[in-house]
Full PDB file with SEQRES, HELIX, SHEET, SSBOND, CRYST1, ORIGX, SCALE, CONECT and MASTER records, all heavy atoms in Angstrom:
SEQRES   1 A   35  VAL LYS ASN GLU PRO GLY LEU VAL ILE LEU ARG GLY THR          
SEQRES   2 A   35  VAL ALA PRO ASP GLY ALA ILE VAL LYS VAL ALA GLY VAL          
SEQRES   3 A   35  GLY ASN ALA ARG ARG GLN PHE GLU GLY                          
HELIX    1 AA1 VAL A   23  GLY A   25  5                                   3    
SHEET    1 AA1 2 LEU A   7  LEU A  10  0                                        
SHEET    2 AA1 2 ALA A  19  LYS A  22 -1                                        
CRYST1    1.000    1.000    1.000  90.00  90.00  90.00 P 1           1          
ORIGX1      1.000000  0.000000  0.000000        0.00000                         
ORIGX2      0.000000  1.000000  0.000000        0.00000                         
ORIGX3      0.000000  0.000000  1.000000        0.00000                         
SCALE1      1.000000  0.000000  0.000000        0.00000                         
SCALE2      0.000000  1.000000  0.000000        0.00000                         
SCALE3      0.000000  0.000000  1.000000        0.00000                         
ATOM      1  N   VAL A   1     -54.862  43.240 -36.435  1.00  0.00           N  
ATOM      2  CA  VAL A   1     -56.019  42.437 -36.858  1.00  0.00           C  
ATOM      3  C   VAL A   1     -57.150  42.622 -35.855  1.00  0.00           C  
ATOM      4  O   VAL A   1     -58.320  42.738 -36.225  1.00  0.00           O  
ATOM      5  CB  VAL A   1     -55.626  40.951 -36.970  1.00  0.00           C  
ATOM      6  CG1 VAL A   1     -56.847  40.094 -37.301  1.00  0.00           C  
ATOM      7  CG2 VAL A   1     -54.554  40.765 -38.038  1.00  0.00           C  
ATOM      8  N   LYS A   2     -56.794  42.659 -34.561  1.00  0.00           N  
ATOM      9  CA  LYS A   2     -57.761  42.913 -33.499  1.00  0.00           C  
ATOM     10  C   LYS A   2     -57.156  43.908 -32.527  1.00  0.00           C  
ATOM     11  O   LYS A   2     -55.937  44.024 -32.411  1.00  0.00           O  
ATOM     12  CB  LYS A   2     -58.122  41.621 -32.753  1.00  0.00           C  
ATOM     13  CG  LYS A   2     -58.946  40.642 -33.569  1.00  0.00           C  
ATOM     14  CD  LYS A   2     -59.382  39.468 -32.709  1.00  0.00           C  
ATOM     15  CE  LYS A   2     -60.276  38.518 -33.496  1.00  0.00           C  
ATOM     16  NZ  LYS A   2     -60.727  37.380 -32.641  1.00  0.00           N  
ATOM     17  N   ASN A   3     -58.017  44.622 -31.815  1.00  0.00           N  
ATOM     18  CA  ASN A   3     -57.549  45.602 -30.843  1.00  0.00           C  
ATOM     19  C   ASN A   3     -57.323  44.994 -29.466  1.00  0.00           C  
ATOM     20  O   ASN A   3     -57.033  45.714 -28.509  1.00  0.00           O  
ATOM     21  CB  ASN A   3     -58.545  46.759 -30.746  1.00  0.00           C  
ATOM     22  CG  ASN A   3     -58.547  47.610 -32.000  1.00  0.00           C  
ATOM     23  OD1 ASN A   3     -57.491  47.909 -32.536  1.00  0.00           O  
ATOM     24  ND2 ASN A   3     -59.727  47.988 -32.468  1.00  0.00           N  
ATOM     25  N   GLU A   4     -57.452  43.673 -29.359  1.00  0.00           N  
ATOM     26  CA  GLU A   4     -57.240  42.974 -28.094  1.00  0.00           C  
ATOM     27  C   GLU A   4     -56.218  41.878 -28.320  1.00  0.00           C  
ATOM     28  O   GLU A   4     -56.225  41.220 -29.355  1.00  0.00           O  
ATOM     29  CB  GLU A   4     -58.552  42.362 -27.595  1.00  0.00           C  
ATOM     30  CG  GLU A   4     -58.440  41.635 -26.286  1.00  0.00           C  
ATOM     31  CD  GLU A   4     -59.778  41.107 -25.800  1.00  0.00           C  
ATOM     32  OE1 GLU A   4     -60.428  40.368 -26.570  1.00  0.00           O  
ATOM     33  OE2 GLU A   4     -60.154  41.420 -24.671  1.00  0.00           O  
ATOM     34  N   PRO A   5     -55.308  41.672 -27.371  1.00  0.00           N  
ATOM     35  CA  PRO A   5     -54.331  40.591 -27.534  1.00  0.00           C  
ATOM     36  C   PRO A   5     -54.989  39.226 -27.463  1.00  0.00           C  
ATOM     37  O   PRO A   5     -56.108  39.075 -26.964  1.00  0.00           O  
ATOM     38  CB  PRO A   5     -53.368  40.813 -26.360  1.00  0.00           C  
ATOM     39  CG  PRO A   5     -54.190  41.529 -25.340  1.00  0.00           C  
ATOM     40  CD  PRO A   5     -55.127  42.407 -26.120  1.00  0.00           C  
ATOM     41  N   GLY A   6     -54.296  38.231 -27.957  1.00  0.00           N  
ATOM     42  CA  GLY A   6     -54.817  36.867 -27.890  1.00  0.00           C  
ATOM     43  C   GLY A   6     -54.765  36.287 -26.497  1.00  0.00           C  
ATOM     44  O   GLY A   6     -55.535  35.396 -26.155  1.00  0.00           O  
ATOM     45  N   LEU A   7     -53.835  36.779 -25.673  1.00  0.00           N  
ATOM     46  CA  LEU A   7     -53.690  36.346 -24.288  1.00  0.00           C  
ATOM     47  C   LEU A   7     -53.807  37.550 -23.366  1.00  0.00           C  
ATOM     48  O   LEU A   7     -53.294  38.625 -23.683  1.00  0.00           O  
ATOM     49  CB  LEU A   7     -52.321  35.690 -24.059  1.00  0.00           C  
ATOM     50  CG  LEU A   7     -52.001  34.420 -24.835  1.00  0.00           C  
ATOM     51  CD1 LEU A   7     -50.551  34.026 -24.617  1.00  0.00           C  
ATOM     52  CD2 LEU A   7     -52.919  33.279 -24.422  1.00  0.00           C  
ATOM     53  N   VAL A   8     -54.503  37.384 -22.242  1.00  0.00           N  
ATOM     54  CA  VAL A   8     -54.576  38.458 -21.257  1.00  0.00           C  
ATOM     55  C   VAL A   8     -54.262  37.894 -19.871  1.00  0.00           C  
ATOM     56  O   VAL A   8     -54.421  36.690 -19.622  1.00  0.00           O  
ATOM     57  CB  VAL A   8     -55.961  39.154 -21.222  1.00  0.00           C  
ATOM     58  CG1 VAL A   8     -56.265  39.797 -22.567  1.00  0.00           C  
ATOM     59  CG2 VAL A   8     -57.055  38.191 -20.825  1.00  0.00           C  
ATOM     60  N   ILE A   9     -53.805  38.770 -18.999  1.00  0.00           N  
ATOM     61  CA  ILE A   9     -53.491  38.402 -17.621  1.00  0.00           C  
ATOM     62  C   ILE A   9     -54.592  38.920 -16.704  1.00  0.00           C  
ATOM     63  O   ILE A   9     -54.935  40.101 -16.738  1.00  0.00           O  
ATOM     64  CB  ILE A   9     -52.140  39.006 -17.178  1.00  0.00           C  
ATOM     65  CG1 ILE A   9     -51.023  38.595 -18.142  1.00  0.00           C  
ATOM     66  CG2 ILE A   9     -51.809  38.574 -15.751  1.00  0.00           C  
ATOM     67  CD1 ILE A   9     -50.773  37.112 -18.212  1.00  0.00           C  
ATOM     68  N   LEU A  10     -55.150  38.019 -15.896  1.00  0.00           N  
ATOM     69  CA  LEU A  10     -56.136  38.396 -14.879  1.00  0.00           C  
ATOM     70  C   LEU A  10     -55.462  38.416 -13.515  1.00  0.00           C  
ATOM     71  O   LEU A  10     -54.534  37.641 -13.250  1.00  0.00           O  
ATOM     72  CB  LEU A  10     -57.298  37.395 -14.838  1.00  0.00           C  
ATOM     73  CG  LEU A  10     -58.024  37.061 -16.138  1.00  0.00           C  
ATOM     74  CD1 LEU A  10     -59.218  36.162 -15.832  1.00  0.00           C  
ATOM     75  CD2 LEU A  10     -58.460  38.304 -16.873  1.00  0.00           C  
ATOM     76  N   ARG A  11     -55.927  39.302 -12.654  1.00  0.00           N  
ATOM     77  CA  ARG A  11     -55.477  39.329 -11.264  1.00  0.00           C  
ATOM     78  C   ARG A  11     -56.692  39.497 -10.359  1.00  0.00           C  
ATOM     79  O   ARG A  11     -57.771  39.857 -10.819  1.00  0.00           O  
ATOM     80  CB  ARG A  11     -54.478  40.460 -11.023  1.00  0.00           C  
ATOM     81  CG  ARG A  11     -53.197  40.334 -11.848  1.00  0.00           C  
ATOM     82  CD  ARG A  11     -52.196  41.424 -11.521  1.00  0.00           C  
ATOM     83  NE  ARG A  11     -51.072  41.401 -12.446  1.00  0.00           N  
ATOM     84  CZ  ARG A  11     -49.999  40.623 -12.336  1.00  0.00           C  
ATOM     85  NH1 ARG A  11     -49.911  39.798 -11.293  1.00  0.00           N  
ATOM     86  NH2 ARG A  11     -49.027  40.665 -13.222  1.00  0.00           N  
ATOM     87  N   GLY A  12     -56.517  39.232  -9.096  1.00  0.00           N  
ATOM     88  CA  GLY A  12     -57.621  39.370  -8.150  1.00  0.00           C  
ATOM     89  C   GLY A  12     -57.355  38.545  -6.916  1.00  0.00           C  
ATOM     90  O   GLY A  12     -56.238  38.062  -6.683  1.00  0.00           O  
ATOM     91  N   THR A  13     -58.390  38.328  -6.113  1.00  0.00           N  
ATOM     92  CA  THR A  13     -58.204  37.620  -4.851  1.00  0.00           C  
ATOM     93  C   THR A  13     -57.860  36.149  -5.050  1.00  0.00           C  
ATOM     94  O   THR A  13     -57.281  35.526  -4.159  1.00  0.00           O  
ATOM     95  CB  THR A  13     -59.472  37.727  -3.982  1.00  0.00           C  
ATOM     96  OG1 THR A  13     -60.593  37.197  -4.702  1.00  0.00           O  
ATOM     97  CG2 THR A  13     -59.755  39.181  -3.605  1.00  0.00           C  
ATOM     98  N   VAL A  14     -58.200  35.583  -6.209  1.00  0.00           N  
ATOM     99  CA  VAL A  14     -57.839  34.197  -6.496  1.00  0.00           C  
ATOM    100  C   VAL A  14     -56.441  34.117  -7.093  1.00  0.00           C  
ATOM    101  O   VAL A  14     -55.730  33.124  -6.902  1.00  0.00           O  
ATOM    102  CB  VAL A  14     -58.864  33.546  -7.458  1.00  0.00           C  
ATOM    103  CG1 VAL A  14     -58.451  32.115  -7.813  1.00  0.00           C  
ATOM    104  CG2 VAL A  14     -60.255  33.540  -6.834  1.00  0.00           C  
ATOM    105  N   ALA A  15     -56.037  35.151  -7.811  1.00  0.00           N  
ATOM    106  CA  ALA A  15     -54.758  35.126  -8.526  1.00  0.00           C  
ATOM    107  C   ALA A  15     -53.990  36.426  -8.296  1.00  0.00           C  
ATOM    108  O   ALA A  15     -53.838  37.233  -9.217  1.00  0.00           O  
ATOM    109  CB  ALA A  15     -55.004  34.909 -10.017  1.00  0.00           C  
ATOM    110  N   PRO A  16     -53.494  36.653  -7.082  1.00  0.00           N  
ATOM    111  CA  PRO A  16     -52.778  37.902  -6.823  1.00  0.00           C  
ATOM    112  C   PRO A  16     -51.513  38.060  -7.670  1.00  0.00           C  
ATOM    113  O   PRO A  16     -51.090  39.177  -7.945  1.00  0.00           O  
ATOM    114  CB  PRO A  16     -52.434  37.822  -5.330  1.00  0.00           C  
ATOM    115  CG  PRO A  16     -52.596  36.385  -4.960  1.00  0.00           C  
ATOM    116  CD  PRO A  16     -53.627  35.828  -5.865  1.00  0.00           C  
ATOM    117  N   ASP A  17     -50.925  36.937  -8.103  1.00  0.00           N  
ATOM    118  CA  ASP A  17     -49.730  37.007  -8.946  1.00  0.00           C  
ATOM    119  C   ASP A  17     -50.051  36.783 -10.423  1.00  0.00           C  
ATOM    120  O   ASP A  17     -49.139  36.655 -11.241  1.00  0.00           O  
ATOM    121  CB  ASP A  17     -48.690  35.979  -8.482  1.00  0.00           C  
ATOM    122  CG  ASP A  17     -48.088  36.343  -7.137  1.00  0.00           C  
ATOM    123  OD1 ASP A  17     -48.074  37.544  -6.806  1.00  0.00           O  
ATOM    124  OD2 ASP A  17     -47.646  35.434  -6.411  1.00  0.00           O  
ATOM    125  N   GLY A  18     -51.333  36.723 -10.742  1.00  0.00           N  
ATOM    126  CA  GLY A  18     -51.738  36.630 -12.135  1.00  0.00           C  
ATOM    127  C   GLY A  18     -52.248  35.264 -12.545  1.00  0.00           C  
ATOM    128  O   GLY A  18     -52.019  34.249 -11.883  1.00  0.00           O  
ATOM    129  N   ALA A  19     -52.981  35.255 -13.645  1.00  0.00           N  
ATOM    130  CA  ALA A  19     -53.473  34.040 -14.297  1.00  0.00           C  
ATOM    131  C   ALA A  19     -53.647  34.378 -15.771  1.00  0.00           C  
ATOM    132  O   ALA A  19     -53.739  35.546 -16.142  1.00  0.00           O  
ATOM    133  CB  ALA A  19     -54.803  33.579 -13.686  1.00  0.00           C  
ATOM    134  N   ILE A  20     -53.686  33.360 -16.612  1.00  0.00           N  
ATOM    135  CA  ILE A  20     -53.668  33.567 -18.060  1.00  0.00           C  
ATOM    136  C   ILE A  20     -54.962  33.074 -18.694  1.00  0.00           C  
ATOM    137  O   ILE A  20     -55.447  31.986 -18.370  1.00  0.00           O  
ATOM    138  CB  ILE A  20     -52.469  32.844 -18.694  1.00  0.00           C  
ATOM    139  CG1 ILE A  20     -51.162  33.389 -18.122  1.00  0.00           C  
ATOM    140  CG2 ILE A  20     -52.479  32.978 -20.211  1.00  0.00           C  
ATOM    141  CD1 ILE A  20     -49.925  32.649 -18.582  1.00  0.00           C  
ATOM    142  N   VAL A  21     -55.487  33.880 -19.619  1.00  0.00           N  
ATOM    143  CA  VAL A  21     -56.649  33.475 -20.412  1.00  0.00           C  
ATOM    144  C   VAL A  21     -56.325  33.676 -21.889  1.00  0.00           C  
ATOM    145  O   VAL A  21     -55.819  34.724 -22.282  1.00  0.00           O  
ATOM    146  CB  VAL A  21     -57.901  34.318 -20.076  1.00  0.00           C  
ATOM    147  CG1 VAL A  21     -59.083  33.891 -20.949  1.00  0.00           C  
ATOM    148  CG2 VAL A  21     -58.270  34.166 -18.616  1.00  0.00           C  
ATOM    149  N   LYS A  22     -56.606  32.649 -22.690  1.00  0.00           N  
ATOM    150  CA  LYS A  22     -56.480  32.797 -24.139  1.00  0.00           C  
ATOM    151  C   LYS A  22     -57.810  33.325 -24.660  1.00  0.00           C  
ATOM    152  O   LYS A  22     -58.721  32.565 -24.986  1.00  0.00           O  
ATOM    153  CB  LYS A  22     -56.129  31.462 -24.799  1.00  0.00           C  
ATOM    154  CG  LYS A  22     -55.793  31.591 -26.283  1.00  0.00           C  
ATOM    155  CD  LYS A  22     -55.535  30.246 -26.929  1.00  0.00           C  
ATOM    156  CE  LYS A  22     -56.846  29.579 -27.277  1.00  0.00           C  
ATOM    157  NZ  LYS A  22     -56.670  28.364 -28.104  1.00  0.00           N  
ATOM    158  N   VAL A  23     -57.931  34.643 -24.710  1.00  0.00           N  
ATOM    159  CA  VAL A  23     -59.209  35.239 -25.115  1.00  0.00           C  
ATOM    160  C   VAL A  23     -59.534  34.926 -26.564  1.00  0.00           C  
ATOM    161  O   VAL A  23     -60.702  34.939 -26.965  1.00  0.00           O  
ATOM    162  CB  VAL A  23     -59.231  36.764 -24.882  1.00  0.00           C  
ATOM    163  CG1 VAL A  23     -59.253  37.081 -23.413  1.00  0.00           C  
ATOM    164  CG2 VAL A  23     -58.073  37.449 -25.560  1.00  0.00           C  
ATOM    165  N   ALA A  24     -58.508  34.617 -27.369  1.00  0.00           N  
ATOM    166  CA  ALA A  24     -58.765  34.249 -28.757  1.00  0.00           C  
ATOM    167  C   ALA A  24     -59.576  32.961 -28.847  1.00  0.00           C  
ATOM    168  O   ALA A  24     -60.222  32.698 -29.872  1.00  0.00           O  
ATOM    169  CB  ALA A  24     -57.439  34.086 -29.512  1.00  0.00           C  
ATOM    170  N   GLY A  25     -59.550  32.151 -27.769  1.00  0.00           N  
ATOM    171  CA  GLY A  25     -60.296  30.899 -27.776  1.00  0.00           C  
ATOM    172  C   GLY A  25     -61.589  30.945 -26.997  1.00  0.00           C  
ATOM    173  O   GLY A  25     -62.267  29.923 -26.860  1.00  0.00           O  
ATOM    174  N   VAL A  26     -61.951  32.126 -26.464  1.00  0.00           N  
ATOM    175  CA  VAL A  26     -63.177  32.215 -25.670  1.00  0.00           C  
ATOM    176  C   VAL A  26     -64.407  32.028 -26.542  1.00  0.00           C  
ATOM    177  O   VAL A  26     -65.401  31.414 -26.142  1.00  0.00           O  
ATOM    178  CB  VAL A  26     -63.225  33.565 -24.913  1.00  0.00           C  
ATOM    179  CG1 VAL A  26     -64.591  33.785 -24.283  1.00  0.00           C  
ATOM    180  CG2 VAL A  26     -62.140  33.592 -23.834  1.00  0.00           C  
ATOM    181  N   GLY A  27     -64.346  32.532 -27.773  1.00  0.00           N  
ATOM    182  CA  GLY A  27     -65.445  32.325 -28.708  1.00  0.00           C  
ATOM    183  C   GLY A  27     -66.753  32.895 -28.207  1.00  0.00           C  
ATOM    184  O   GLY A  27     -66.827  34.064 -27.810  1.00  0.00           O  
ATOM    185  N   ASN A  28     -67.778  32.042 -28.165  1.00  0.00           N  
ATOM    186  CA  ASN A  28     -69.108  32.487 -27.766  1.00  0.00           C  
ATOM    187  C   ASN A  28     -69.333  32.419 -26.255  1.00  0.00           C  
ATOM    188  O   ASN A  28     -70.433  32.713 -25.786  1.00  0.00           O  
ATOM    189  CB  ASN A  28     -70.176  31.641 -28.472  1.00  0.00           C  
ATOM    190  CG  ASN A  28     -70.172  31.855 -29.970  1.00  0.00           C  
ATOM    191  OD1 ASN A  28     -69.930  32.965 -30.455  1.00  0.00           O  
ATOM    192  ND2 ASN A  28     -70.438  30.793 -30.729  1.00  0.00           N  
ATOM    193  N   ALA A  29     -68.315  32.000 -25.514  1.00  0.00           N  
ATOM    194  CA  ALA A  29     -68.464  31.970 -24.052  1.00  0.00           C  
ATOM    195  C   ALA A  29     -68.574  33.397 -23.519  1.00  0.00           C  
ATOM    196  O   ALA A  29     -68.142  34.360 -24.151  1.00  0.00           O  
ATOM    197  CB  ALA A  29     -67.273  31.255 -23.415  1.00  0.00           C  
ATOM    198  N   ARG A  30     -69.134  33.515 -22.318  1.00  0.00           N  
ATOM    199  CA  ARG A  30     -69.328  34.835 -21.724  1.00  0.00           C  
ATOM    200  C   ARG A  30     -68.010  35.444 -21.281  1.00  0.00           C  
ATOM    201  O   ARG A  30     -67.140  34.755 -20.758  1.00  0.00           O  
ATOM    202  CB  ARG A  30     -70.259  34.717 -20.522  1.00  0.00           C  
ATOM    203  CG  ARG A  30     -71.711  34.416 -20.891  1.00  0.00           C  
ATOM    204  CD  ARG A  30     -72.528  34.145 -19.645  1.00  0.00           C  
ATOM    205  NE  ARG A  30     -72.479  32.747 -19.268  1.00  0.00           N  
ATOM    206  CZ  ARG A  30     -73.024  32.248 -18.171  1.00  0.00           C  
ATOM    207  NH1 ARG A  30     -73.633  33.056 -17.324  1.00  0.00           N  
ATOM    208  NH2 ARG A  30     -72.948  30.963 -17.908  1.00  0.00           N  
ATOM    209  N   ARG A  31     -67.864  36.752 -21.464  1.00  0.00           N  
ATOM    210  CA  ARG A  31     -66.657  37.449 -21.020  1.00  0.00           C  
ATOM    211  C   ARG A  31     -66.732  37.782 -19.535  1.00  0.00           C  
ATOM    212  O   ARG A  31     -65.713  38.019 -18.901  1.00  0.00           O  
ATOM    213  CB  ARG A  31     -66.442  38.718 -21.850  1.00  0.00           C  
ATOM    214  CG  ARG A  31     -66.115  38.445 -23.310  1.00  0.00           C  
ATOM    215  CD  ARG A  31     -65.901  39.744 -24.061  1.00  0.00           C  
ATOM    216  NE  ARG A  31     -64.760  40.486 -23.569  1.00  0.00           N  
ATOM    217  CZ  ARG A  31     -63.511  40.357 -24.041  1.00  0.00           C  
ATOM    218  NH1 ARG A  31     -63.259  39.502 -25.029  1.00  0.00           N  
ATOM    219  NH2 ARG A  31     -62.524  41.083 -23.553  1.00  0.00           N  
ATOM    220  N   GLN A  32     -67.930  37.826 -18.998  1.00  0.00           N  
ATOM    221  CA  GLN A  32     -68.128  37.936 -17.549  1.00  0.00           C  
ATOM    222  C   GLN A  32     -68.877  36.683 -17.095  1.00  0.00           C  
ATOM    223  O   GLN A  32     -69.881  36.298 -17.711  1.00  0.00           O  
ATOM    224  CB  GLN A  32     -68.938  39.178 -17.172  1.00  0.00           C  
ATOM    225  CG  GLN A  32     -68.201  40.495 -17.344  1.00  0.00           C  
ATOM    226  CD  GLN A  32     -68.203  40.993 -18.765  1.00  0.00           C  
ATOM    227  OE1 GLN A  32     -69.164  40.766 -19.507  1.00  0.00           O  
ATOM    228  NE2 GLN A  32     -67.144  41.662 -19.172  1.00  0.00           N  
ATOM    229  N   PHE A  33     -68.382  36.056 -16.049  1.00  0.00           N  
ATOM    230  CA  PHE A  33     -68.976  34.797 -15.595  1.00  0.00           C  
ATOM    231  C   PHE A  33     -68.914  34.766 -14.082  1.00  0.00           C  
ATOM    232  O   PHE A  33     -67.883  35.046 -13.484  1.00  0.00           O  
ATOM    233  CB  PHE A  33     -68.193  33.620 -16.172  1.00  0.00           C  
ATOM    234  CG  PHE A  33     -68.902  32.296 -16.112  1.00  0.00           C  
ATOM    235  CD1 PHE A  33     -69.440  31.720 -17.249  1.00  0.00           C  
ATOM    236  CD2 PHE A  33     -69.025  31.609 -14.900  1.00  0.00           C  
ATOM    237  CE1 PHE A  33     -70.081  30.492 -17.201  1.00  0.00           C  
ATOM    238  CE2 PHE A  33     -69.673  30.392 -14.840  1.00  0.00           C  
ATOM    239  CZ  PHE A  33     -70.200  29.827 -15.995  1.00  0.00           C  
ATOM    240  N   GLU A  34     -70.028  34.439 -13.458  1.00  0.00           N  
ATOM    241  CA  GLU A  34     -70.077  34.269 -12.001  1.00  0.00           C  
ATOM    242  C   GLU A  34     -70.843  33.000 -11.694  1.00  0.00           C  
ATOM    243  O   GLU A  34     -71.932  32.780 -12.227  1.00  0.00           O  
ATOM    244  CB  GLU A  34     -70.733  35.462 -11.327  1.00  0.00           C  
ATOM    245  CG  GLU A  34     -70.751  35.352  -9.811  1.00  0.00           C  
ATOM    246  CD  GLU A  34     -71.228  36.628  -9.128  1.00  0.00           C  
ATOM    247  OE1 GLU A  34     -71.484  37.626  -9.835  1.00  0.00           O  
ATOM    248  OE2 GLU A  34     -71.335  36.631  -7.891  1.00  0.00           O  
ATOM    249  N   GLY A  35     -70.254  32.170 -10.862  1.00  0.00           N  
ATOM    250  CA  GLY A  35     -70.927  30.924 -10.524  1.00  0.00           C  
ATOM    251  C   GLY A  35     -70.279  30.252  -9.335  1.00  0.00           C  
ATOM    252  O   GLY A  35     -69.206  30.652  -8.869  1.00  0.00           O  
TER     253      GLY A  35                                                      
MASTER        0    0    0    1    2    0    0    6  252    1    0    3          
END                                                                             
């Protein structure tokens, strides 16, 4: 149905062991965010 999963795993300096985002629920929010 879509070429992207509904859930994705993020990693980085805040989440070296991973974190979860439900991208199916991001909607109109920005996919890149800095603040």
